[in-house]
Amino acid sequence: MAARSCRPKPRTVAEAASRLNRITKRADFLAAARGIRKVVGALTLELGPTPPQHCQAAALRVGFTASRKVGNAVARNRAKRRLRAAASAQLPLLGRPGHDYVLVARASVLTCEFLALQKDLAEALRLAHRKLDDRKTGSVIT
């Protein structure tokens, strides 16, 4: 029999994490790339609306990518693991349903502190959502 963790998971984060769906199709990555893009620290955040055929109530979709500029396959996989961990902590709390989020790793994602990575993601989400809100209201942002 496998041992189970004694620590209970926070209920709100666990429930919110179930809202995260993965983006797997190239067309969906390209659609998000046509939306809002924010570069903050060790990552680039791309944000776009979820296509109607993939919309689910109160669900977010997230995708991860790392180009060869980040490093070899081992480094790229490590970068995507770090992005997944940061996204699972931040997106359920700060993400908006009905949107696709693509996190693109930059080379510095491998060397930065994890707390700094989480702060970068939170800041990128804040900036992207502000730009999204400004687009909806019609005001101009610089």
Protein backbone atom coordinates (compact mmCIF):
# COMPACT_ATOMS: atom_id res chain seq x y z
CA MET A 1 0.00 0.00 0.00
CA ALA A 2 1.34 3.40 -0.98
CA ALA A 3 1.95 6.04 1.65
CA ARG A 4 -0.26 9.09 1.54
CA SER A 5 0.69 12.62 2.37
CA CYS A 6 -0.39 13.85 5.79
CA ARG A 7 -0.75 17.44 4.62
CA PRO A 8 -4.17 18.29 3.20
CA LYS A 9 -4.17 20.37 0.05
CA PRO A 10 -5.78 23.80 0.26
CA ARG A 11 -9.36 23.33 -0.84
CA THR A 12 -9.68 26.51 -2.89
CA VAL A 13 -6.46 25.96 -4.85
CA ALA A 14 -7.25 22.28 -5.46
CA GLU A 15 -10.71 23.09 -6.70
CA ALA A 16 -9.43 25.93 -8.85
CA ALA A 17 -6.62 23.80 -10.30
CA SER A 18 -9.20 21.44 -11.72
CA ARG A 19 -10.28 24.32 -13.99
CA LEU A 20 -6.95 24.24 -15.88
CA ASN A 21 -7.06 22.46 -19.22
CA ARG A 22 -4.05 22.00 -21.48
CA ILE A 23 -3.59 23.48 -24.92
CA THR A 24 -2.15 20.81 -27.22
CA LYS A 25 -2.97 21.85 -30.80
CA ARG A 26 -0.61 24.09 -32.75
CA ALA A 27 -3.51 26.15 -34.08
CA ASP A 28 -4.54 27.04 -30.53
CA PHE A 29 -0.97 28.13 -29.69
CA LEU A 30 -0.95 30.32 -32.82
CA ALA A 31 -4.34 31.82 -31.93
CA ALA A 32 -3.05 32.79 -28.47
CA ALA A 33 0.05 34.30 -30.08
CA ARG A 34 -2.22 36.64 -32.10
CA GLY A 35 -3.66 38.00 -28.86
CA ILE A 36 -2.02 39.96 -26.06
CA ARG A 37 1.68 39.37 -25.35
CA LYS A 38 3.52 40.50 -22.23
CA VAL A 39 7.20 39.87 -21.52
CA VAL A 40 8.08 40.02 -17.84
CA GLY A 41 11.35 38.72 -16.42
CA ALA A 42 11.89 35.04 -17.18
CA LEU A 43 8.76 34.40 -19.23
CA THR A 44 6.50 35.63 -21.98
CA LEU A 45 2.75 35.40 -21.49
CA GLU A 46 0.44 35.17 -24.51
CA LEU A 47 -3.28 35.59 -23.88
CA GLY A 48 -6.20 35.05 -26.21
CA PRO A 49 -9.85 34.08 -26.06
CA THR A 50 -10.69 30.39 -25.93
CA PRO A 51 -12.19 29.19 -29.24
CA PRO A 52 -15.95 28.51 -28.96
CA GLN A 53 -15.57 24.76 -29.59
CA HIS A 54 -13.29 24.47 -26.51
CA CYS A 55 -15.22 26.72 -24.12
CA GLN A 56 -16.27 25.10 -20.87
CA ALA A 57 -17.89 26.79 -17.91
CA ALA A 58 -15.32 28.30 -15.52
CA ALA A 59 -12.37 26.65 -17.28
CA LEU A 60 -8.97 28.06 -18.26
CA ARG A 61 -6.67 26.61 -20.88
CA VAL A 62 -2.91 26.83 -20.56
CA GLY A 63 -0.02 25.80 -22.79
CA PHE A 64 3.73 25.77 -22.29
CA THR A 65 6.54 26.13 -24.78
CA ALA A 66 10.31 26.54 -24.77
CA SER A 67 12.34 27.13 -27.91
CA ARG A 68 15.83 25.83 -28.60
CA LYS A 69 17.18 29.20 -27.47
CA VAL A 70 16.52 28.01 -23.91
CA GLY A 71 18.91 25.07 -24.29
CA ASN A 72 19.00 21.38 -25.08
CA ALA A 73 16.06 19.02 -24.56
CA VAL A 74 16.84 18.49 -20.89
CA ALA A 75 16.94 22.25 -20.25
CA ARG A 76 13.73 22.87 -22.22
CA ASN A 77 11.88 20.17 -20.29
CA ARG A 78 13.13 21.57 -16.99
CA ALA A 79 12.01 25.06 -18.04
CA LYS A 80 8.53 23.78 -18.92
CA ARG A 81 8.29 21.92 -15.59
CA ARG A 82 9.09 25.15 -13.75
CA LEU A 83 6.47 27.03 -15.80
CA ARG A 84 3.88 24.32 -15.09
CA ALA A 85 4.56 24.56 -11.36
CA ALA A 86 4.28 28.35 -11.38
CA ALA A 87 1.12 28.24 -13.48
CA SER A 88 -0.55 25.67 -11.23
CA ALA A 89 0.07 28.00 -8.28
CA GLN A 90 -0.90 31.32 -9.91
CA LEU A 91 -3.38 30.74 -12.74
CA PRO A 92 -6.21 29.21 -10.68
CA LEU A 93 -6.18 32.30 -8.50
CA LEU A 94 -5.45 35.03 -11.06
CA GLY A 95 -6.59 33.58 -14.40
CA ARG A 96 -9.89 34.38 -16.08
CA PRO A 97 -12.22 31.68 -17.44
CA GLY A 98 -12.74 31.69 -21.18
CA HIS A 99 -9.14 32.58 -22.01
CA ASP A 100 -6.13 30.69 -23.31
CA TYR A 101 -2.78 31.35 -21.65
CA VAL A 102 0.51 30.33 -23.27
CA LEU A 103 3.68 30.60 -21.19
CA VAL A 104 6.86 30.84 -23.23
CA ALA A 105 10.08 30.12 -21.37
CA ARG A 106 13.04 32.44 -21.72
CA ALA A 107 16.62 31.37 -21.00
CA SER A 108 16.58 32.98 -17.55
CA VAL A 109 13.73 30.72 -16.37
CA LEU A 110 16.34 28.04 -15.60
CA THR A 111 18.38 30.19 -13.24
CA CYS A 112 15.88 32.46 -11.52
CA GLU A 113 14.42 31.79 -8.08
CA PHE A 114 11.03 30.12 -8.10
CA LEU A 115 9.43 32.94 -6.11
CA ALA A 116 10.75 35.41 -8.67
CA LEU A 117 9.22 33.26 -11.43
CA GLN A 118 5.85 33.30 -9.65
CA LYS A 119 6.06 37.08 -9.22
CA ASP A 120 6.91 37.46 -12.92
CA LEU A 121 3.87 35.38 -13.85
CA ALA A 122 1.59 37.33 -11.52
CA GLU A 123 2.86 40.63 -12.95
CA ALA A 124 2.44 39.40 -16.55
CA LEU A 125 -1.12 38.30 -15.77
CA ARG A 126 -1.90 41.67 -14.19
CA LEU A 127 -0.56 43.59 -17.19
CA ALA A 128 -2.27 41.35 -19.74
CA HIS A 129 -5.62 41.55 -17.96
CA ARG A 130 -5.33 45.33 -17.73
CA LYS A 131 -4.67 45.53 -21.47
CA LEU A 132 -7.58 43.15 -22.11
CA ASP A 133 -9.90 45.32 -20.01
CA ASP A 134 -8.71 48.45 -21.82
CA ARG A 135 -9.43 46.81 -25.18
CA LYS A 136 -12.95 45.97 -24.05
CA THR A 137 -13.64 49.50 -22.83
CA GLY A 138 -12.01 51.07 -25.88
CA SER A 139 -9.40 53.13 -24.08
CA VAL A 140 -5.82 53.37 -25.32
CA ILE A 141 -2.91 51.97 -23.29
CA THR A 142 0.73 52.70 -23.90
